[in-house]
Amino acid sequence: MNNKYEEHECANCGCLMECTGSVNCWCLELTIPEEVQDFIAASFDGCLCRNCIAEMIEKIKN
């Protein structure tokens, strides 16, 4: 995560998303299970969008 505003492509789906830094990025508002965090870290080199993270969280719930 960075310390400034940047636009990135989601490492999973490629959509354009905003990152506002480690202080107030939208991703800090999410509760991401450790299993999902581990999968993302092992599978992707960059950040994922809110929709992709939500889909991964739903998959582990079912």
N, C-alpha and C. Protein backbone atom coordinates (compact mmCIF):
# COMPACT_ATOMS: atom_id res chain seq x y z
N MET A 1 0.85 -1.17 0.00
CA MET A 1 0.00 0.00 0.00
C MET A 1 0.90 1.24 0.00
N ASN A 2 0.41 2.32 -0.56
CA ASN A 2 1.23 3.52 -0.67
C ASN A 2 0.76 4.60 0.31
N ASN A 3 1.39 5.75 0.26
CA ASN A 3 1.05 6.86 1.14
C ASN A 3 0.46 8.04 0.39
N LYS A 4 0.01 7.85 -0.84
CA LYS A 4 -0.55 8.94 -1.63
C LYS A 4 -1.66 8.40 -2.53
N TYR A 5 -2.43 9.31 -3.09
CA TYR A 5 -3.51 8.93 -4.00
C TYR A 5 -2.91 8.41 -5.31
N GLU A 6 -3.39 7.27 -5.74
CA GLU A 6 -2.98 6.71 -7.03
C GLU A 6 -4.15 5.95 -7.63
N GLU A 7 -4.15 5.84 -8.94
CA GLU A 7 -5.11 4.97 -9.61
C GLU A 7 -4.37 3.71 -10.02
N HIS A 8 -4.99 2.57 -9.79
CA HIS A 8 -4.41 1.27 -10.12
C HIS A 8 -5.44 0.45 -10.88
N GLU A 9 -4.96 -0.54 -11.60
CA GLU A 9 -5.85 -1.56 -12.15
C GLU A 9 -5.92 -2.69 -11.15
N CYS A 10 -7.12 -3.22 -10.96
CA CYS A 10 -7.28 -4.38 -10.09
C CYS A 10 -6.44 -5.52 -10.66
N ALA A 11 -5.67 -6.16 -9.80
CA ALA A 11 -4.79 -7.25 -10.24
C ALA A 11 -5.58 -8.49 -10.66
N ASN A 12 -6.87 -8.54 -10.33
CA ASN A 12 -7.69 -9.69 -10.69
C ASN A 12 -8.53 -9.41 -11.94
N CYS A 13 -9.34 -8.36 -11.92
CA CYS A 13 -10.27 -8.13 -13.03
C CYS A 13 -9.85 -7.01 -13.98
N GLY A 14 -8.88 -6.20 -13.58
CA GLY A 14 -8.37 -5.15 -14.45
C GLY A 14 -9.12 -3.83 -14.40
N CYS A 15 -10.17 -3.72 -13.58
CA CYS A 15 -10.91 -2.46 -13.53
C CYS A 15 -10.04 -1.39 -12.86
N LEU A 16 -10.30 -0.13 -13.21
CA LEU A 16 -9.56 0.98 -12.63
C LEU A 16 -10.12 1.27 -11.24
N MET A 17 -9.24 1.44 -10.27
CA MET A 17 -9.67 1.71 -8.91
C MET A 17 -8.76 2.74 -8.28
N GLU A 18 -9.25 3.38 -7.23
CA GLU A 18 -8.49 4.42 -6.54
C GLU A 18 -7.88 3.88 -5.26
N CYS A 19 -6.67 4.30 -4.99
CA CYS A 19 -6.02 4.02 -3.71
C CYS A 19 -5.67 5.37 -3.11
N THR A 20 -6.14 5.62 -1.90
CA THR A 20 -5.87 6.91 -1.26
C THR A 20 -4.82 6.80 -0.18
N GLY A 21 -4.09 5.74 -0.17
CA GLY A 21 -2.96 5.61 0.74
C GLY A 21 -3.25 4.82 1.99
N SER A 22 -2.21 4.56 2.72
CA SER A 22 -2.30 3.69 3.89
C SER A 22 -3.06 4.32 5.05
N VAL A 23 -3.32 5.60 4.99
CA VAL A 23 -4.03 6.26 6.09
C VAL A 23 -5.54 6.15 5.94
N ASN A 24 -6.06 6.32 4.73
CA ASN A 24 -7.51 6.34 4.57
C ASN A 24 -8.01 5.61 3.32
N CYS A 25 -7.34 4.58 2.89
CA CYS A 25 -7.78 3.82 1.73
C CYS A 25 -9.07 3.06 2.07
N TRP A 26 -9.95 2.93 1.11
CA TRP A 26 -11.22 2.22 1.32
C TRP A 26 -11.01 0.80 1.83
N CYS A 27 -9.90 0.18 1.45
CA CYS A 27 -9.68 -1.22 1.84
C CYS A 27 -9.49 -1.37 3.35
N LEU A 28 -9.11 -0.30 4.02
CA LEU A 28 -8.95 -0.37 5.47
C LEU A 28 -10.29 -0.48 6.19
N GLU A 29 -11.38 -0.16 5.49
CA GLU A 29 -12.72 -0.25 6.07
C GLU A 29 -13.26 -1.68 6.04
N LEU A 30 -12.64 -2.55 5.27
CA LEU A 30 -13.12 -3.92 5.12
C LEU A 30 -12.52 -4.85 6.17
N THR A 31 -13.31 -5.82 6.57
CA THR A 31 -12.79 -6.91 7.40
C THR A 31 -12.54 -8.07 6.46
N ILE A 32 -11.28 -8.32 6.16
CA ILE A 32 -10.91 -9.35 5.21
C ILE A 32 -10.36 -10.54 5.99
N PRO A 33 -11.04 -11.68 5.91
CA PRO A 33 -10.58 -12.86 6.64
C PRO A 33 -9.13 -13.22 6.28
N GLU A 34 -8.43 -13.76 7.25
CA GLU A 34 -7.02 -14.12 7.05
C GLU A 34 -6.83 -15.06 5.87
N GLU A 35 -7.76 -15.98 5.68
CA GLU A 35 -7.68 -16.92 4.55
C GLU A 35 -7.68 -16.18 3.22
N VAL A 36 -8.51 -15.15 3.11
CA VAL A 36 -8.58 -14.35 1.88
C VAL A 36 -7.31 -13.51 1.74
N GLN A 37 -6.85 -12.91 2.82
CA GLN A 37 -5.62 -12.13 2.77
C GLN A 37 -4.44 -12.98 2.30
N ASP A 38 -4.34 -14.19 2.83
CA ASP A 38 -3.26 -15.09 2.44
C ASP A 38 -3.35 -15.47 0.96
N PHE A 39 -4.57 -15.74 0.49
CA PHE A 39 -4.77 -16.09 -0.92
C PHE A 39 -4.38 -14.92 -1.83
N ILE A 40 -4.82 -13.72 -1.48
CA ILE A 40 -4.49 -12.54 -2.29
C ILE A 40 -2.98 -12.33 -2.33
N ALA A 41 -2.33 -12.41 -1.18
CA ALA A 41 -0.88 -12.19 -1.12
C ALA A 41 -0.11 -13.23 -1.94
N ALA A 42 -0.60 -14.47 -1.93
CA ALA A 42 0.09 -15.54 -2.66
C ALA A 42 -0.21 -15.53 -4.15
N SER A 43 -1.34 -14.94 -4.54
CA SER A 43 -1.81 -15.06 -5.92
C SER A 43 -1.65 -13.81 -6.78
N PHE A 44 -1.49 -12.64 -6.16
CA PHE A 44 -1.49 -11.39 -6.91
C PHE A 44 -0.33 -10.50 -6.47
N ASP A 45 0.16 -9.70 -7.42
CA ASP A 45 1.24 -8.76 -7.11
C ASP A 45 0.73 -7.38 -6.73
N GLY A 46 -0.55 -7.11 -6.98
CA GLY A 46 -1.10 -5.79 -6.70
C GLY A 46 -2.39 -5.87 -5.92
N CYS A 47 -3.00 -4.71 -5.75
CA CYS A 47 -4.25 -4.59 -5.01
C CYS A 47 -5.42 -5.11 -5.84
N LEU A 48 -6.47 -5.51 -5.14
CA LEU A 48 -7.71 -5.94 -5.78
C LEU A 48 -8.81 -4.93 -5.49
N CYS A 49 -9.77 -4.84 -6.39
CA CYS A 49 -10.89 -3.92 -6.20
C CYS A 49 -11.85 -4.46 -5.15
N ARG A 50 -12.73 -3.58 -4.70
CA ARG A 50 -13.72 -3.93 -3.68
C ARG A 50 -14.58 -5.10 -4.12
N ASN A 51 -15.00 -5.11 -5.38
CA ASN A 51 -15.87 -6.19 -5.87
C ASN A 51 -15.17 -7.54 -5.86
N CYS A 52 -13.92 -7.59 -6.29
CA CYS A 52 -13.19 -8.86 -6.30
C CYS A 52 -12.96 -9.37 -4.88
N ILE A 53 -12.62 -8.47 -3.97
CA ILE A 53 -12.43 -8.89 -2.58
C ILE A 53 -13.73 -9.40 -2.00
N ALA A 54 -14.83 -8.70 -2.27
CA ALA A 54 -16.14 -9.13 -1.76
C ALA A 54 -16.51 -10.51 -2.30
N GLU A 55 -16.23 -10.76 -3.57
CA GLU A 55 -16.52 -12.07 -4.16
C GLU A 55 -15.70 -13.17 -3.49
N MET A 56 -14.45 -12.89 -3.19
CA MET A 56 -13.61 -13.89 -2.53
C MET A 56 -14.09 -14.17 -1.11
N ILE A 57 -14.52 -13.14 -0.42
CA ILE A 57 -15.06 -13.32 0.93
C ILE A 57 -16.32 -14.17 0.88
N GLU A 58 -17.19 -13.91 -0.09
CA GLU A 58 -18.43 -14.70 -0.23
C GLU A 58 -18.12 -16.16 -0.52
N LYS A 59 -17.13 -16.41 -1.35
CA LYS A 59 -16.77 -17.80 -1.71
C LYS A 59 -16.34 -18.60 -0.50
N ILE A 60 -15.61 -17.99 0.42
CA ILE A 60 -15.17 -18.77 1.58
C ILE A 60 -16.29 -18.96 2.59
N LYS A 61 -17.31 -18.10 2.53
CA LYS A 61 -18.46 -18.26 3.43
C LYS A 61 -19.32 -19.44 3.03
N ASN A 62 -19.32 -19.76 1.75
CA ASN A 62 -20.21 -20.82 1.25
C ASN A 62 -19.55 -22.15 1.19
